[in-house]
Amino acid sequence: MQHELEIPFVYERGVLKPEVDVDWPEGARGVAFIRETPGASDNGLSRRRALDAIRRIGESGVFNSGGRKLTRDEMHERR
């Protein structure tokens, strides 16, 4: 049986990464017909910059959301 799907993806570091779940078995093979979407280059660049900024915040270990600090019990669900 042949499947034909239109799957949005992002190209990063030589790999096509689907932006949605792909319901194919592991190791399945297919052929891709690739068409660049309008504005894809700009969107990918701004997304990459945002992810880099988030990664830098995480690596710094310093993040102040401005909200109240949670208690230990609130941070660790106990059931």
PDB file of N, CA and C in Angstrom:
ATOM      1  N   MET A   1       0.844  -1.171   0.000  1.00  0.00           N
ATOM      2  CA  MET A   1       0.000   0.000   0.000  1.00  0.00           C
ATOM      3  C   MET A   1       0.897   1.244   0.000  1.00  0.00           C
ATOM      4  N   GLN A   2       0.574   2.225  -0.827  1.00  0.00           N
ATOM      5  CA  GLN A   2       1.347   3.454  -0.893  1.00  0.00           C
ATOM      6  C   GLN A   2       0.680   4.530  -0.065  1.00  0.00           C
ATOM      7  N   HIS A   3       1.509   5.306   0.636  1.00  0.00           N
ATOM      8  CA  HIS A   3       1.024   6.440   1.415  1.00  0.00           C
ATOM      9  C   HIS A   3       1.569   7.707   0.782  1.00  0.00           C
ATOM     10  N   GLU A   4       0.743   8.716   0.681  1.00  0.00           N
ATOM     11  CA  GLU A   4       1.190  10.008   0.197  1.00  0.00           C
ATOM     12  C   GLU A   4       0.752  11.053   1.208  1.00  0.00           C
ATOM     13  N   LEU A   5       1.722  11.740   1.804  1.00  0.00           N
ATOM     14  CA  LEU A   5       1.448  12.719   2.845  1.00  0.00           C
ATOM     15  C   LEU A   5       2.130  14.032   2.529  1.00  0.00           C
ATOM     16  N   GLU A   6       1.548  15.121   2.994  1.00  0.00           N
ATOM     17  CA  GLU A   6       2.213  16.413   2.948  1.00  0.00           C
ATOM     18  C   GLU A   6       2.613  16.726   4.377  1.00  0.00           C
ATOM     19  N   ILE A   7       3.920  16.751   4.634  1.00  0.00           N
ATOM     20  CA  ILE A   7       4.431  16.905   5.989  1.00  0.00           C
ATOM     21  C   ILE A   7       5.334  18.130   6.056  1.00  0.00           C
ATOM     22  N   PRO A   8       4.965  19.132   6.858  1.00  0.00           N
ATOM     23  CA  PRO A   8       5.868  20.276   7.020  1.00  0.00           C
ATOM     24  C   PRO A   8       7.103  19.846   7.801  1.00  0.00           C
ATOM     25  N   PHE A   9       8.245  20.374   7.434  1.00  0.00           N
ATOM     26  CA  PHE A   9       9.484  20.004   8.112  1.00  0.00           C
ATOM     27  C   PHE A   9      10.407  21.199   8.206  1.00  0.00           C
ATOM     28  N   VAL A  10      11.434  21.064   9.038  1.00  0.00           N
ATOM     29  CA  VAL A  10      12.499  22.047   9.164  1.00  0.00           C
ATOM     30  C   VAL A  10      13.786  21.327   8.795  1.00  0.00           C
ATOM     31  N   TYR A  11      14.621  21.984   8.019  1.00  0.00           N
ATOM     32  CA  TYR A  11      15.916  21.423   7.643  1.00  0.00           C
ATOM     33  C   TYR A  11      16.963  21.981   8.594  1.00  0.00           C
ATOM     34  N   GLU A  12      17.573  21.116   9.412  1.00  0.00           N
ATOM     35  CA  GLU A  12      18.582  21.535  10.379  1.00  0.00           C
ATOM     36  C   GLU A  12      19.771  20.587  10.334  1.00  0.00           C
ATOM     37  N   ARG A  13      20.936  21.162  10.148  1.00  0.00           N
ATOM     38  CA  ARG A  13      22.182  20.393  10.195  1.00  0.00           C
ATOM     39  C   ARG A  13      22.136  19.157   9.303  1.00  0.00           C
ATOM     40  N   GLY A  14      21.600  19.321   8.116  1.00  0.00           N
ATOM     41  CA  GLY A  14      21.602  18.227   7.149  1.00  0.00           C
ATOM     42  C   GLY A  14      20.496  17.207   7.333  1.00  0.00           C
ATOM     43  N   VAL A  15      19.529  17.480   8.221  1.00  0.00           N
ATOM     44  CA  VAL A  15      18.457  16.520   8.496  1.00  0.00           C
ATOM     45  C   VAL A  15      17.100  17.195   8.317  1.00  0.00           C
ATOM     46  N   LEU A  16      16.169  16.512   7.672  1.00  0.00           N
ATOM     47  CA  LEU A  16      14.797  16.993   7.556  1.00  0.00           C
ATOM     48  C   LEU A  16      14.038  16.535   8.798  1.00  0.00           C
ATOM     49  N   LYS A  17      13.569  17.482   9.617  1.00  0.00           N
ATOM     50  CA  LYS A  17      12.866  17.150  10.858  1.00  0.00           C
ATOM     51  C   LYS A  17      11.395  17.504  10.708  1.00  0.00           C
ATOM     52  N   PRO A  18      10.500  16.500  10.744  1.00  0.00           N
ATOM     53  CA  PRO A  18       9.063  16.774  10.620  1.00  0.00           C
ATOM     54  C   PRO A  18       8.576  17.650  11.761  1.00  0.00           C
ATOM     55  N   GLU A  19       7.645  18.559  11.447  1.00  0.00           N
ATOM     56  CA  GLU A  19       7.062  19.417  12.470  1.00  0.00           C
ATOM     57  C   GLU A  19       5.782  18.822  13.048  1.00  0.00           C
ATOM     58  N   VAL A  20       5.372  17.682  12.561  1.00  0.00           N
ATOM     59  CA  VAL A  20       4.192  16.971  13.047  1.00  0.00           C
ATOM     60  C   VAL A  20       4.567  15.507  13.239  1.00  0.00           C
ATOM     61  N   ASP A  21       3.769  14.788  14.013  1.00  0.00           N
ATOM     62  CA  ASP A  21       4.007  13.351  14.172  1.00  0.00           C
ATOM     63  C   ASP A  21       3.784  12.646  12.848  1.00  0.00           C
ATOM     64  N   VAL A  22       4.665  11.728  12.533  1.00  0.00           N
ATOM     65  CA  VAL A  22       4.554  10.946  11.305  1.00  0.00           C
ATOM     66  C   VAL A  22       4.226   9.515  11.700  1.00  0.00           C
ATOM     67  N   ASP A  23       3.079   9.040  11.272  1.00  0.00           N
ATOM     68  CA  ASP A  23       2.609   7.707  11.663  1.00  0.00           C
ATOM     69  C   ASP A  23       3.114   6.647  10.678  1.00  0.00           C
ATOM     70  N   TRP A  24       4.414   6.484  10.657  1.00  0.00           N
ATOM     71  CA  TRP A  24       5.036   5.457   9.817  1.00  0.00           C
ATOM     72  C   TRP A  24       5.856   4.559  10.717  1.00  0.00           C
ATOM     73  N   PRO A  25       5.994   3.293  10.352  1.00  0.00           N
ATOM     74  CA  PRO A  25       6.823   2.402  11.166  1.00  0.00           C
ATOM     75  C   PRO A  25       8.298   2.797  11.069  1.00  0.00           C
ATOM     76  N   GLU A  26       9.046   2.563  12.140  1.00  0.00           N
ATOM     77  CA  GLU A  26      10.475   2.853  12.159  1.00  0.00           C
ATOM     78  C   GLU A  26      11.166   2.135  11.001  1.00  0.00           C
ATOM     79  N   GLY A  27      12.017   2.851  10.303  1.00  0.00           N
ATOM     80  CA  GLY A  27      12.760   2.261   9.184  1.00  0.00           C
ATOM     81  C   GLY A  27      12.028   2.318   7.852  1.00  0.00           C
ATOM     82  N   ALA A  28      10.791   2.831   7.843  1.00  0.00           N
ATOM     83  CA  ALA A  28      10.037   2.927   6.585  1.00  0.00           C
ATOM     84  C   ALA A  28      10.767   3.866   5.634  1.00  0.00           C
ATOM     85  N   ARG A  29      10.688   3.571   4.362  1.00  0.00           N
ATOM     86  CA  ARG A  29      11.351   4.393   3.349  1.00  0.00           C
ATOM     87  C   ARG A  29      10.315   5.048   2.455  1.00  0.00           C
ATOM     88  N   GLY A  30      10.688   6.174   1.896  1.00  0.00           N
ATOM     89  CA  GLY A  30       9.811   6.889   0.987  1.00  0.00           C
ATOM     90  C   GLY A  30      10.631   7.839   0.132  1.00  0.00           C
ATOM     91  N   VAL A  31       9.951   8.591  -0.684  1.00  0.00           N
ATOM     92  CA  VAL A  31      10.591   9.589  -1.533  1.00  0.00           C
ATOM     93  C   VAL A  31       9.963  10.932  -1.212  1.00  0.00           C
ATOM     94  N   ALA A  32      10.797  11.951  -1.013  1.00  0.00           N
ATOM     95  CA  ALA A  32      10.290  13.287  -0.685  1.00  0.00           C
ATOM     96  C   ALA A  32      10.342  14.184  -1.918  1.00  0.00           C
ATOM     97  N   PHE A  33       9.269  14.912  -2.150  1.00  0.00           N
ATOM     98  CA  PHE A  33       9.214  15.953  -3.162  1.00  0.00           C
ATOM     99  C   PHE A  33       9.196  17.253  -2.377  1.00  0.00           C
ATOM    100  N   ILE A  34      10.270  18.004  -2.424  1.00  0.00           N
ATOM    101  CA  ILE A  34      10.450  19.143  -1.538  1.00  0.00           C
ATOM    102  C   ILE A  34      10.117  20.462  -2.241  1.00  0.00           C
ATOM    103  N   ARG A  35       9.333  21.286  -1.536  1.00  0.00           N
ATOM    104  CA  ARG A  35       8.939  22.599  -2.050  1.00  0.00           C
ATOM    105  C   ARG A  35       9.128  23.588  -0.890  1.00  0.00           C
ATOM    106  N   GLU A  36       9.920  24.641  -1.121  1.00  0.00           N
ATOM    107  CA  GLU A  36      10.138  25.629  -0.061  1.00  0.00           C
ATOM    108  C   GLU A  36       8.879  26.465   0.108  1.00  0.00           C
ATOM    109  N   THR A  37       8.498  26.710   1.362  1.00  0.00           N
ATOM    110  CA  THR A  37       7.311  27.515   1.627  1.00  0.00           C
ATOM    111  C   THR A  37       7.701  28.985   1.670  1.00  0.00           C
ATOM    112  N   PRO A  38       6.798  29.876   1.295  1.00  0.00           N
ATOM    113  CA  PRO A  38       7.103  31.308   1.303  1.00  0.00           C
ATOM    114  C   PRO A  38       7.504  31.783   2.694  1.00  0.00           C
ATOM    115  N   GLY A  39       8.574  32.541   2.771  1.00  0.00           N
ATOM    116  CA  GLY A  39       9.038  33.078   4.040  1.00  0.00           C
ATOM    117  C   GLY A  39       9.697  32.057   4.938  1.00  0.00           C
ATOM    118  N   ALA A  40       9.946  30.866   4.434  1.00  0.00           N
ATOM    119  CA  ALA A  40      10.505  29.804   5.266  1.00  0.00           C
ATOM    120  C   ALA A  40      11.879  30.178   5.813  1.00  0.00           C
ATOM    121  N   SER A  41      12.686  30.825   5.020  1.00  0.00           N
ATOM    122  CA  SER A  41      14.034  31.168   5.466  1.00  0.00           C
ATOM    123  C   SER A  41      13.993  32.134   6.641  1.00  0.00           C
ATOM    124  N   ASP A  42      13.152  33.164   6.557  1.00  0.00           N
ATOM    125  CA  ASP A  42      13.056  34.133   7.642  1.00  0.00           C
ATOM    126  C   ASP A  42      12.508  33.494   8.906  1.00  0.00           C
ATOM    127  N   ASN A  43      11.448  32.694   8.767  1.00  0.00           N
ATOM    128  CA  ASN A  43      10.824  32.059   9.921  1.00  0.00           C
ATOM    129  C   ASN A  43      11.799  31.116  10.606  1.00  0.00           C
ATOM    130  N   GLY A  44      12.525  30.328   9.837  1.00  0.00           N
ATOM    131  CA  GLY A  44      13.491  29.406  10.416  1.00  0.00           C
ATOM    132  C   GLY A  44      14.586  30.130  11.169  1.00  0.00           C
ATOM    133  N   LEU A  45      15.026  31.278  10.633  1.00  0.00           N
ATOM    134  CA  LEU A  45      16.080  32.043  11.267  1.00  0.00           C
ATOM    135  C   LEU A  45      15.597  32.633  12.587  1.00  0.00           C
ATOM    136  N   SER A  46      14.398  33.222  12.609  1.00  0.00           N
ATOM    137  CA  SER A  46      13.895  33.806  13.850  1.00  0.00           C
ATOM    138  C   SER A  46      13.613  32.715  14.886  1.00  0.00           C
ATOM    139  N   ARG A  47      13.128  31.563  14.435  1.00  0.00           N
ATOM    140  CA  ARG A  47      12.896  30.440  15.356  1.00  0.00           C
ATOM    141  C   ARG A  47      14.214  29.965  15.946  1.00  0.00           C
ATOM    142  N   ARG A  48      15.234  29.873  15.106  1.00  0.00           N
ATOM    143  CA  ARG A  48      16.548  29.425  15.572  1.00  0.00           C
ATOM    144  C   ARG A  48      17.112  30.414  16.593  1.00  0.00           C
ATOM    145  N   ARG A  49      16.954  31.726  16.343  1.00  0.00           N
ATOM    146  CA  ARG A  49      17.447  32.735  17.295  1.00  0.00           C
ATOM    147  C   ARG A  49      16.716  32.621  18.625  1.00  0.00           C
ATOM    148  N   ALA A  50      15.401  32.398  18.579  1.00  0.00           N
ATOM    149  CA  ALA A  50      14.624  32.263  19.815  1.00  0.00           C
ATOM    150  C   ALA A  50      15.060  31.032  20.593  1.00  0.00           C
ATOM    151  N   LEU A  51      15.256  29.914  19.908  1.00  0.00           N
ATOM    152  CA  LEU A  51      15.693  28.697  20.590  1.00  0.00           C
ATOM    153  C   LEU A  51      17.091  28.858  21.170  1.00  0.00           C
ATOM    154  N   ASP A  52      17.973  29.553  20.451  1.00  0.00           N
ATOM    155  CA  ASP A  52      19.316  29.811  20.978  1.00  0.00           C
ATOM    156  C   ASP A  52      19.251  30.652  22.249  1.00  0.00           C
ATOM    157  N   ALA A  53      18.368  31.666  22.268  1.00  0.00           N
ATOM    158  CA  ALA A  53      18.222  32.504  23.456  1.00  0.00           C
ATOM    159  C   ALA A  53      17.718  31.678  24.639  1.00  0.00           C
ATOM    160  N   ILE A  54      16.736  30.823  24.395  1.00  0.00           N
ATOM    161  CA  ILE A  54      16.205  29.958  25.460  1.00  0.00           C
ATOM    162  C   ILE A  54      17.289  29.019  25.962  1.00  0.00           C
ATOM    163  N   ARG A  55      18.074  28.462  25.047  1.00  0.00           N
ATOM    164  CA  ARG A  55      19.158  27.547  25.428  1.00  0.00           C
ATOM    165  C   ARG A  55      20.186  28.277  26.300  1.00  0.00           C
ATOM    166  N   ARG A  56      20.541  29.520  25.948  1.00  0.00           N
ATOM    167  CA  ARG A  56      21.513  30.288  26.740  1.00  0.00           C
ATOM    168  C   ARG A  56      20.983  30.550  28.151  1.00  0.00           C
ATOM    169  N   ILE A  57      19.693  30.879  28.267  1.00  0.00           N
ATOM    170  CA  ILE A  57      19.095  31.098  29.589  1.00  0.00           C
ATOM    171  C   ILE A  57      19.187  29.818  30.412  1.00  0.00           C
ATOM    172  N   GLY A  58      18.843  28.690  29.803  1.00  0.00           N
ATOM    173  CA  GLY A  58      18.903  27.412  30.514  1.00  0.00           C
ATOM    174  C   GLY A  58      20.305  27.056  30.956  1.00  0.00           C
ATOM    175  N   GLU A  59      21.292  27.314  30.092  1.00  0.00           N
ATOM    176  CA  GLU A  59      22.674  26.972  30.422  1.00  0.00           C
ATOM    177  C   GLU A  59      23.236  27.884  31.504  1.00  0.00           C
ATOM    178  N   SER A  60      22.738  29.115  31.576  1.00  0.00           N
ATOM    179  CA  SER A  60      23.246  30.054  32.581  1.00  0.00           C
ATOM    180  C   SER A  60      22.770  29.671  33.983  1.00  0.00           C
ATOM    181  N   GLY A  61      21.656  28.956  34.063  1.00  0.00           N
ATOM    182  CA  GLY A  61      21.115  28.571  35.360  1.00  0.00           C
ATOM    183  C   GLY A  61      20.422  29.717  36.073  1.00  0.00           C
ATOM    184  N   VAL A  62      20.286  30.861  35.404  1.00  0.00           N
ATOM    185  CA  VAL A  62      19.667  32.030  36.023  1.00  0.00           C
ATOM    186  C   VAL A  62      18.416  32.393  35.233  1.00  0.00           C
ATOM    187  N   PHE A  63      17.279  32.269  35.889  1.00  0.00           N
ATOM    188  CA  PHE A  63      16.021  32.643  35.247  1.00  0.00           C
ATOM    189  C   PHE A  63      15.078  33.163  36.307  1.00  0.00           C
ATOM    190  N   ASN A  64      14.632  34.385  36.140  1.00  0.00           N
ATOM    191  CA  ASN A  64      13.702  34.987  37.089  1.00  0.00           C
ATOM    192  C   ASN A  64      12.429  35.326  36.333  1.00  0.00           C
ATOM    193  N   SER A  65      11.371  34.574  36.603  1.00  0.00           N
ATOM    194  CA  SER A  65      10.109  34.784  35.901  1.00  0.00           C
ATOM    195  C   SER A  65       9.333  35.971  36.470  1.00  0.00           C
ATOM    196  N   GLY A  66       9.748  36.447  37.649  1.00  0.00           N
ATOM    197  CA  GLY A  66       9.028  37.541  38.284  1.00  0.00           C
ATOM    198  C   GLY A  66       7.866  37.055  39.139  1.00  0.00           C
ATOM    199  N   GLY A  67       7.585  35.760  39.076  1.00  0.00           N
ATOM    200  CA  GLY A  67       6.492  35.201  39.864  1.00  0.00           C
ATOM    201  C   GLY A  67       6.943  34.845  41.265  1.00  0.00           C
ATOM    202  N   ARG A  68       5.992  34.391  42.079  1.00  0.00           N
ATOM    203  CA  ARG A  68       6.345  34.016  43.445  1.00  0.00           C
ATOM    204  C   ARG A  68       7.140  32.720  43.429  1.00  0.00           C
ATOM    205  N   LYS A  69       7.973  32.547  44.437  1.00  0.00           N
ATOM    206  CA  LYS A  69       8.777  31.336  44.528  1.00  0.00           C
ATOM    207  C   LYS A  69       7.928  30.211  45.104  1.00  0.00           C
ATOM    208  N   LEU A  70       8.034  29.045  44.518  1.00  0.00           N
ATOM    209  CA  LEU A  70       7.271  27.894  44.972  1.00  0.00           C
ATOM    210  C   LEU A  70       7.931  27.253  46.173  1.00  0.00           C
ATOM    211  N   THR A  71       7.114  26.633  47.032  1.00  0.00           N
ATOM    212  CA  THR A  71       7.661  25.880  48.158  1.00  0.00           C
ATOM    213  C   THR A  71       8.172  24.545  47.635  1.00  0.00           C
ATOM    214  N   ARG A  72       8.938  23.859  48.456  1.00  0.00           N
ATOM    215  CA  ARG A  72       9.476  22.561  48.057  1.00  0.00           C
ATOM    216  C   ARG A  72       8.344  21.581  47.717  1.00  0.00           C
ATOM    217  N   ASP A  73       7.287  21.580  48.551  1.00  0.00           N
ATOM    218  CA  ASP A  73       6.162  20.685  48.294  1.00  0.00           C
ATOM    219  C   ASP A  73       5.455  21.020  46.983  1.00  0.00           C
ATOM    220  N   GLU A  74       5.367  22.310  46.673  1.00  0.00           N
ATOM    221  CA  GLU A  74       4.736  22.693  45.409  1.00  0.00           C
ATOM    222  C   GLU A  74       5.584  22.299  44.202  1.00  0.00           C
ATOM    223  N   MET A  75       6.894  22.325  44.377  1.00  0.00           N
ATOM    224  CA  MET A  75       7.787  21.959  43.266  1.00  0.00           C
ATOM    225  C   MET A  75       7.809  20.454  43.036  1.00  0.00           C
ATOM    226  N   HIS A  76       7.602  19.673  44.069  1.00  0.00           N
ATOM    227  CA  HIS A  76       7.663  18.210  43.960  1.00  0.00           C
ATOM    228  C   HIS A  76       6.310  17.639  44.334  1.00  0.00           C
ATOM    229  N   GLU A  77       5.572  17.199  43.325  1.00  0.00           N
ATOM    230  CA  GLU A  77       4.256  16.613  43.606  1.00  0.00           C
ATOM    231  C   GLU A  77       4.409  15.404  44.496  1.00  0.00           C
ATOM    232  N   ARG A  78       3.625  15.360  45.524  1.00  0.00           N
ATOM    233  CA  ARG A  78       3.669  14.205  46.430  1.00  0.00           C
ATOM    234  C   ARG A  78       2.296  13.596  46.492  1.00  0.00           C
ATOM    235  N   ARG A  79       2.203  12.358  46.067  1.00  0.00           N
ATOM    236  CA  ARG A  79       0.902  11.678  46.060  1.00  0.00           C
ATOM    237  C   ARG A  79       0.970  10.399  46.818  1.00  0.00           C
TER     238      ARG A  79
END
